[in-house]
PDB file of N, CA and C in Angstrom:
ATOM      1  N   MET A   1      99.249  13.158  13.723  1.00  0.00           N
ATOM      2  CA  MET A   1      99.017  12.055  13.030  1.00  0.00           C
ATOM      3  C   MET A   1      98.447  12.365  11.549  1.00  0.00           C
ATOM      4  N   SER A   2      97.541  13.342  11.549  1.00  0.00           N
ATOM      5  CA  SER A   2      96.750  13.638  10.482  1.00  0.00           C
ATOM      6  C   SER A   2      97.700  14.356   9.443  1.00  0.00           C
ATOM      7  N   MET A   3      98.668  15.184   9.828  1.00  0.00           N
ATOM      8  CA  MET A   3      99.635  15.789   9.124  1.00  0.00           C
ATOM      9  C   MET A   3     100.450  14.661   8.172  1.00  0.00           C
ATOM     10  N   MET A   4     100.823  13.665   8.850  1.00  0.00           N
ATOM     11  CA  MET A   4     101.483  12.595   8.263  1.00  0.00           C
ATOM     12  C   MET A   4     100.861  11.909   7.074  1.00  0.00           C
ATOM     13  N   SER A   5      99.595  11.742   7.275  1.00  0.00           N
ATOM     14  CA  SER A   5      98.762  11.027   6.203  1.00  0.00           C
ATOM     15  C   SER A   5      98.490  11.941   5.161  1.00  0.00           C
ATOM     16  N   GLN A   6      98.331  13.234   5.391  1.00  0.00           N
ATOM     17  CA  GLN A   6      98.154  14.263   4.222  1.00  0.00           C
ATOM     18  C   GLN A   6      99.295  14.171   3.513  1.00  0.00           C
ATOM     19  N   THR A   7     100.635  14.298   3.948  1.00  0.00           N
ATOM     20  CA  THR A   7     101.699  14.275   3.315  1.00  0.00           C
ATOM     21  C   THR A   7     101.849  13.088   2.397  1.00  0.00           C
ATOM     22  N   ASN A   8     101.593  11.920   2.917  1.00  0.00           N
ATOM     23  CA  ASN A   8     101.871  10.680   2.255  1.00  0.00           C
ATOM     24  C   ASN A   8     100.837  10.765   1.171  1.00  0.00           C
ATOM     25  N   THR A   9      99.641  11.189   1.173  1.00  0.00           N
ATOM     26  CA  THR A   9      98.646  11.358   0.106  1.00  0.00           C
ATOM     27  C   THR A   9      99.020  12.068  -0.947  1.00  0.00           C
ATOM     28  N   HIS A  10      99.558  13.283  -0.636  1.00  0.00           N
ATOM     29  CA  HIS A  10     100.043  14.283  -1.673  1.00  0.00           C
ATOM     30  C   HIS A  10     101.241  13.662  -2.407  1.00  0.00           C
ATOM     31  N   THR A  11     102.070  12.931  -1.658  1.00  0.00           N
ATOM     32  CA  THR A  11     103.269  12.317  -2.514  1.00  0.00           C
ATOM     33  C   THR A  11     102.719  11.221  -3.406  1.00  0.00           C
ATOM     34  N   GLY A  12     101.816  10.470  -2.827  1.00  0.00           N
ATOM     35  CA  GLY A  12     101.335   9.420  -3.740  1.00  0.00           C
ATOM     36  C   GLY A  12     100.639   9.970  -5.058  1.00  0.00           C
ATOM     37  N   ILE A  13      99.863  10.894  -4.945  1.00  0.00           N
ATOM     38  CA  ILE A  13      99.136  11.678  -6.030  1.00  0.00           C
ATOM     39  C   ILE A  13     100.282  12.210  -7.049  1.00  0.00           C
ATOM     40  N   ALA A  14     101.257  12.874  -6.486  1.00  0.00           N
ATOM     41  CA  ALA A  14     102.259  13.455  -7.282  1.00  0.00           C
ATOM     42  C   ALA A  14     102.912  12.279  -8.172  1.00  0.00           C
ATOM     43  N   GLN A  15     103.231  11.256  -7.444  1.00  0.00           N
ATOM     44  CA  GLN A  15     103.995  10.130  -8.275  1.00  0.00           C
ATOM     45  C   GLN A  15     103.049   9.525  -9.169  1.00  0.00           C
ATOM     46  N   GLY A  16     101.792   9.498  -8.862  1.00  0.00           N
ATOM     47  CA  GLY A  16     100.813   8.802  -9.748  1.00  0.00           C
ATOM     48  C   GLY A  16     100.646   9.686 -11.148  1.00  0.00           C
ATOM     49  N   ALA A  17     100.743  11.100 -10.943  1.00  0.00           N
ATOM     50  CA  ALA A  17     100.646  12.090 -12.015  1.00  0.00           C
ATOM     51  C   ALA A  17     101.935  11.934 -12.675  1.00  0.00           C
ATOM     52  N   SER A  18     102.941  11.873 -12.145  1.00  0.00           N
ATOM     53  CA  SER A  18     104.302  11.718 -12.802  1.00  0.00           C
ATOM     54  C   SER A  18     104.315  10.594 -13.806  1.00  0.00           C
ATOM     55  N   GLY A  19     103.773   9.384 -13.196  1.00  0.00           N
ATOM     56  CA  GLY A  19     103.751   8.094 -13.953  1.00  0.00           C
ATOM     57  C   GLY A  19     102.788   8.209 -15.151  1.00  0.00           C
ATOM     58  N   ILE A  20     101.757   8.897 -14.989  1.00  0.00           N
ATOM     59  CA  ILE A  20     100.882   9.093 -16.225  1.00  0.00           C
ATOM     60  C   ILE A  20     101.483   9.929 -17.399  1.00  0.00           C
ATOM     61  N   TRP A  21     102.118  10.974 -16.828  1.00  0.00           N
ATOM     62  CA  TRP A  21     102.901  11.613 -17.885  1.00  0.00           C
ATOM     63  C   TRP A  21     103.974  11.016 -18.669  1.00  0.00           C
ATOM     64  N   GLU A  22     104.657  10.206 -17.781  1.00  0.00           N
ATOM     65  CA  GLU A  22     105.850   9.342 -18.389  1.00  0.00           C
ATOM     66  C   GLU A  22     105.131   8.395 -19.380  1.00  0.00           C
ATOM     67  N   THR A  23     103.968   7.729 -19.068  1.00  0.00           N
ATOM     68  CA  THR A  23     103.373   6.754 -19.913  1.00  0.00           C
ATOM     69  C   THR A  23     103.023   7.552 -21.216  1.00  0.00           C
ATOM     70  N   LEU A  24     102.256   8.552 -20.948  1.00  0.00           N
ATOM     71  CA  LEU A  24     101.823   9.515 -22.182  1.00  0.00           C
ATOM     72  C   LEU A  24     102.935   9.734 -23.134  1.00  0.00           C
ATOM     73  N   GLY A  25     104.046  10.195 -22.538  1.00  0.00           N
ATOM     74  CA  GLY A  25     105.294  10.617 -23.262  1.00  0.00           C
ATOM     75  C   GLY A  25     105.853   9.277 -24.181  1.00  0.00           C
ATOM     76  N   THR A  26     105.805   8.135 -23.469  1.00  0.00           N
ATOM     77  CA  THR A  26     106.284   6.934 -24.071  1.00  0.00           C
ATOM     78  C   THR A  26     105.393   6.600 -25.240  1.00  0.00           C
ATOM     79  N   ARG A  27     104.085   6.552 -24.967  1.00  0.00           N
ATOM     80  CA  ARG A  27     103.116   6.283 -25.989  1.00  0.00           C
ATOM     81  C   ARG A  27     103.296   7.116 -27.080  1.00  0.00           C
ATOM     82  N   PHE A  28     103.429   8.449 -27.013  1.00  0.00           N
ATOM     83  CA  PHE A  28     103.472   9.445 -28.014  1.00  0.00           C
ATOM     84  C   PHE A  28     104.740   9.238 -28.781  1.00  0.00           C
ATOM     85  N   ALA A  29     105.969   8.944 -28.210  1.00  0.00           N
ATOM     86  CA  ALA A  29     107.137   8.670 -28.781  1.00  0.00           C
ATOM     87  C   ALA A  29     106.998   7.358 -29.695  1.00  0.00           C
ATOM     88  N   GLN A  30     106.304   6.436 -29.284  1.00  0.00           N
ATOM     89  CA  GLN A  30     105.996   4.998 -30.090  1.00  0.00           C
ATOM     90  C   GLN A  30     105.141   5.418 -31.222  1.00  0.00           C
ATOM     91  N   TYR A  31     104.156   6.252 -31.051  1.00  0.00           N
ATOM     92  CA  TYR A  31     103.347   6.629 -32.262  1.00  0.00           C
ATOM     93  C   TYR A  31     104.047   7.379 -33.282  1.00  0.00           C
ATOM     94  N   ARG A  32     105.170   8.325 -32.713  1.00  0.00           N
ATOM     95  CA  ARG A  32     105.915   9.012 -33.796  1.00  0.00           C
ATOM     96  C   ARG A  32     106.689   8.118 -34.548  1.00  0.00           C
ATOM     97  N   VAL A  33     107.288   6.986 -33.986  1.00  0.00           N
ATOM     98  CA  VAL A  33     108.017   5.969 -34.666  1.00  0.00           C
ATOM     99  C   VAL A  33     107.130   5.289 -35.590  1.00  0.00           C
ATOM    100  N   TYR A  34     106.091   4.922 -35.215  1.00  0.00           N
ATOM    101  CA  TYR A  34     104.999   4.235 -36.189  1.00  0.00           C
ATOM    102  C   TYR A  34     104.658   5.006 -37.438  1.00  0.00           C
ATOM    103  N   ARG A  35     104.437   6.315 -37.169  1.00  0.00           N
ATOM    104  CA  ARG A  35     104.064   7.292 -38.333  1.00  0.00           C
ATOM    105  C   ARG A  35     105.373   7.537 -39.265  1.00  0.00           C
ATOM    106  N   ARG A  36     106.502   7.759 -38.593  1.00  0.00           N
ATOM    107  CA  ARG A  36     107.670   7.979 -39.464  1.00  0.00           C
ATOM    108  C   ARG A  36     107.953   6.608 -40.160  1.00  0.00           C
ATOM    109  N   THR A  37     107.920   5.586 -39.785  1.00  0.00           N
ATOM    110  CA  THR A  37     108.305   4.307 -40.339  1.00  0.00           C
ATOM    111  C   THR A  37     107.380   4.052 -41.501  1.00  0.00           C
ATOM    112  N   ARG A  38     106.137   4.336 -41.234  1.00  0.00           N
ATOM    113  CA  ARG A  38     105.144   3.985 -42.148  1.00  0.00           C
ATOM    114  C   ARG A  38     105.211   5.008 -43.434  1.00  0.00           C
ATOM    115  N   SER A  39     105.411   6.383 -43.017  1.00  0.00           N
ATOM    116  CA  SER A  39     105.641   7.271 -44.000  1.00  0.00           C
ATOM    117  C   SER A  39     106.822   7.169 -45.022  1.00  0.00           C
ATOM    118  N   GLU A  40     107.950   6.681 -44.382  1.00  0.00           N
ATOM    119  CA  GLU A  40     109.108   6.456 -45.103  1.00  0.00           C
ATOM    120  C   GLU A  40     108.906   5.135 -46.113  1.00  0.00           C
ATOM    121  N   LEU A  41     108.388   4.078 -45.511  1.00  0.00           N
ATOM    122  CA  LEU A  41     107.923   2.867 -46.316  1.00  0.00           C
ATOM    123  C   LEU A  41     107.098   3.314 -47.440  1.00  0.00           C
ATOM    124  N   GLN A  42     106.054   4.108 -47.336  1.00  0.00           N
ATOM    125  CA  GLN A  42     105.157   4.401 -48.264  1.00  0.00           C
ATOM    126  C   GLN A  42     105.875   5.228 -49.459  1.00  0.00           C
ATOM    127  N   MET A  43     106.821   5.999 -49.164  1.00  0.00           N
ATOM    128  CA  MET A  43     107.606   6.859 -50.058  1.00  0.00           C
ATOM    129  C   MET A  43     108.307   5.917 -51.015  1.00  0.00           C
ATOM    130  N   LEU A  44     108.685   4.738 -50.656  1.00  0.00           N
ATOM    131  CA  LEU A  44     109.403   3.805 -51.578  1.00  0.00           C
ATOM    132  C   LEU A  44     108.608   3.298 -52.768  1.00  0.00           C
ATOM    133  N   SER A  45     109.370   3.195 -53.827  1.00  0.00           N
ATOM    134  CA  SER A  45     108.703   2.523 -54.977  1.00  0.00           C
ATOM    135  C   SER A  45     108.371   1.166 -54.804  1.00  0.00           C
ATOM    136  N   ASN A  46     107.445   0.579 -55.632  1.00  0.00           N
ATOM    137  CA  ASN A  46     107.188  -0.801 -55.553  1.00  0.00           C
ATOM    138  C   ASN A  46     108.352  -1.677 -55.772  1.00  0.00           C
ATOM    139  N   ARG A  47     109.339  -1.271 -56.629  1.00  0.00           N
ATOM    140  CA  ARG A  47     110.672  -2.050 -56.916  1.00  0.00           C
ATOM    141  C   ARG A  47     111.633  -1.976 -55.720  1.00  0.00           C
ATOM    142  N   GLU A  48     111.725  -0.762 -54.999  1.00  0.00           N
ATOM    143  CA  GLU A  48     112.449  -0.715 -53.836  1.00  0.00           C
ATOM    144  C   GLU A  48     111.841  -1.557 -52.762  1.00  0.00           C
ATOM    145  N   LEU A  49     110.535  -1.579 -52.501  1.00  0.00           N
ATOM    146  CA  LEU A  49     109.966  -2.405 -51.577  1.00  0.00           C
ATOM    147  C   LEU A  49     110.202  -3.906 -51.903  1.00  0.00           C
ATOM    148  N   LYS A  50     110.033  -4.249 -53.160  1.00  0.00           N
ATOM    149  CA  LYS A  50     110.263  -5.611 -53.588  1.00  0.00           C
ATOM    150  C   LYS A  50     111.700  -6.050 -53.277  1.00  0.00           C
ATOM    151  N   ASP A  51     112.692  -5.246 -53.522  1.00  0.00           N
ATOM    152  CA  ASP A  51     114.039  -5.419 -53.286  1.00  0.00           C
ATOM    153  C   ASP A  51     114.288  -5.897 -51.743  1.00  0.00           C
ATOM    154  N   LEU A  52     113.553  -5.246 -50.930  1.00  0.00           N
ATOM    155  CA  LEU A  52     113.561  -5.208 -49.376  1.00  0.00           C
ATOM    156  C   LEU A  52     112.770  -6.498 -48.951  1.00  0.00           C
ATOM    157  N   GLY A  53     112.009  -7.048 -49.934  1.00  0.00           N
ATOM    158  CA  GLY A  53     111.098  -8.122 -49.643  1.00  0.00           C
ATOM    159  C   GLY A  53     109.851  -7.756 -48.829  1.00  0.00           C
ATOM    160  N   ILE A  54     109.492  -6.593 -49.185  1.00  0.00           N
ATOM    161  CA  ILE A  54     108.180  -6.159 -48.508  1.00  0.00           C
ATOM    162  C   ILE A  54     107.223  -5.801 -49.525  1.00  0.00           C
ATOM    163  N   GLY A  55     106.008  -6.242 -49.245  1.00  0.00           N
ATOM    164  CA  GLY A  55     104.755  -5.911 -50.004  1.00  0.00           C
ATOM    165  C   GLY A  55     104.083  -4.617 -49.497  1.00  0.00           C
ATOM    166  N   ARG A  56     103.348  -3.938 -50.296  1.00  0.00           N
ATOM    167  CA  ARG A  56     102.673  -2.591 -49.856  1.00  0.00           C
ATOM    168  C   ARG A  56     101.754  -2.920 -48.684  1.00  0.00           C
ATOM    169  N   SER A  57     101.073  -4.182 -48.729  1.00  0.00           N
ATOM    170  CA  SER A  57     100.227  -4.546 -47.730  1.00  0.00           C
ATOM    171  C   SER A  57     100.786  -4.913 -46.358  1.00  0.00           C
ATOM    172  N   MET A  58     102.172  -4.951 -46.444  1.00  0.00           N
ATOM    173  CA  MET A  58     102.764  -5.207 -45.191  1.00  0.00           C
ATOM    174  C   MET A  58     103.300  -4.082 -44.392  1.00  0.00           C
ATOM    175  N   ILE A  59     103.170  -2.835 -44.891  1.00  0.00           N
ATOM    176  CA  ILE A  59     103.659  -1.604 -44.493  1.00  0.00           C
ATOM    177  C   ILE A  59     103.093  -1.198 -43.035  1.00  0.00           C
ATOM    178  N   ASN A  60     101.865  -1.295 -42.856  1.00  0.00           N
ATOM    179  CA  ASN A  60     101.342  -1.093 -41.569  1.00  0.00           C
ATOM    180  C   ASN A  60     101.810  -1.942 -40.441  1.00  0.00           C
ATOM    181  N   ALA A  61     101.917  -3.247 -40.748  1.00  0.00           N
ATOM    182  CA  ALA A  61     102.344  -4.223 -39.932  1.00  0.00           C
ATOM    183  C   ALA A  61     103.717  -4.078 -39.462  1.00  0.00           C
ATOM    184  N   ILE A  62     104.530  -3.668 -40.420  1.00  0.00           N
ATOM    185  CA  ILE A  62     105.993  -3.508 -40.143  1.00  0.00           C
ATOM    186  C   ILE A  62     106.129  -2.292 -39.221  1.00  0.00           C
ATOM    187  N   ALA A  63     105.567  -1.190 -39.572  1.00  0.00           N
ATOM    188  CA  ALA A  63     105.555   0.053 -38.778  1.00  0.00           C
ATOM    189  C   ALA A  63     105.177  -0.178 -37.325  1.00  0.00           C
ATOM    190  N   HIS A  64     103.970  -0.968 -37.200  1.00  0.00           N
ATOM    191  CA  HIS A  64     103.552  -1.288 -35.864  1.00  0.00           C
ATOM    192  C   HIS A  64     104.617  -1.982 -35.126  1.00  0.00           C
ATOM    193  N   GLU A  65     105.080  -3.035 -35.829  1.00  0.00           N
ATOM    194  CA  GLU A  65     106.207  -3.873 -35.045  1.00  0.00           C
ATOM    195  C   GLU A  65     107.382  -3.051 -34.625  1.00  0.00           C
ATOM    196  N   ALA A  66     107.823  -1.927 -35.620  1.00  0.00           N
ATOM    197  CA  ALA A  66     108.898  -1.207 -35.315  1.00  0.00           C
ATOM    198  C   ALA A  66     108.688  -0.353 -33.969  1.00  0.00           C
ATOM    199  N   ALA A  67     107.430   0.113 -33.836  1.00  0.00           N
ATOM    200  CA  ALA A  67     106.937   1.030 -32.877  1.00  0.00           C
ATOM    201  C   ALA A  67     106.707   0.374 -31.550  1.00  0.00           C
ATOM    202  N   TYR A  68     105.975  -0.650 -31.716  1.00  0.00           N
ATOM    203  CA  TYR A  68     105.467  -1.156 -30.533  1.00  0.00           C
ATOM    204  C   TYR A  68     105.888  -2.719 -30.219  1.00  0.00           C
ATOM    205  N   GLY A  69     106.736  -3.200 -30.875  1.00  0.00           N
ATOM    206  CA  GLY A  69     107.197  -4.549 -30.739  1.00  0.00           C
ATOM    207  C   GLY A  69     106.057  -5.565 -31.360  1.00  0.00           C
ATOM    208  N   ARG A  70     106.662  -7.017 -31.202  1.00  0.00           N
ATOM    209  CA  ARG A  70     105.659  -7.984 -31.537  1.00  0.00           C
ATOM    210  C   ARG A  70     104.457  -8.153 -30.660  1.00  0.00           C
ATOM    211  N   LYS A  71     103.370  -8.547 -31.108  1.00  0.00           N
ATOM    212  CA  LYS A  71     102.306  -8.955 -30.238  1.00  0.00           C
ATOM    213  C   LYS A  71     101.799 -10.317 -30.512  1.00  0.00           C
TER     214      LYS A  71
END
């Protein structure tokens, strides 16, 4: 009986650790999207941003929405 509960405990810990790494990977991927979007928008001239209907003050919010979705 003891052997059975130890096996289940180890399996649960492994699954939990796997979930943590998956979550961290997802968060890091989202952060990379945020940084890249923000960087690309900041490289545009004021004229180009205006043509897109974007003000410089909107760049962070747009990058955040691109990476994490609406809140």
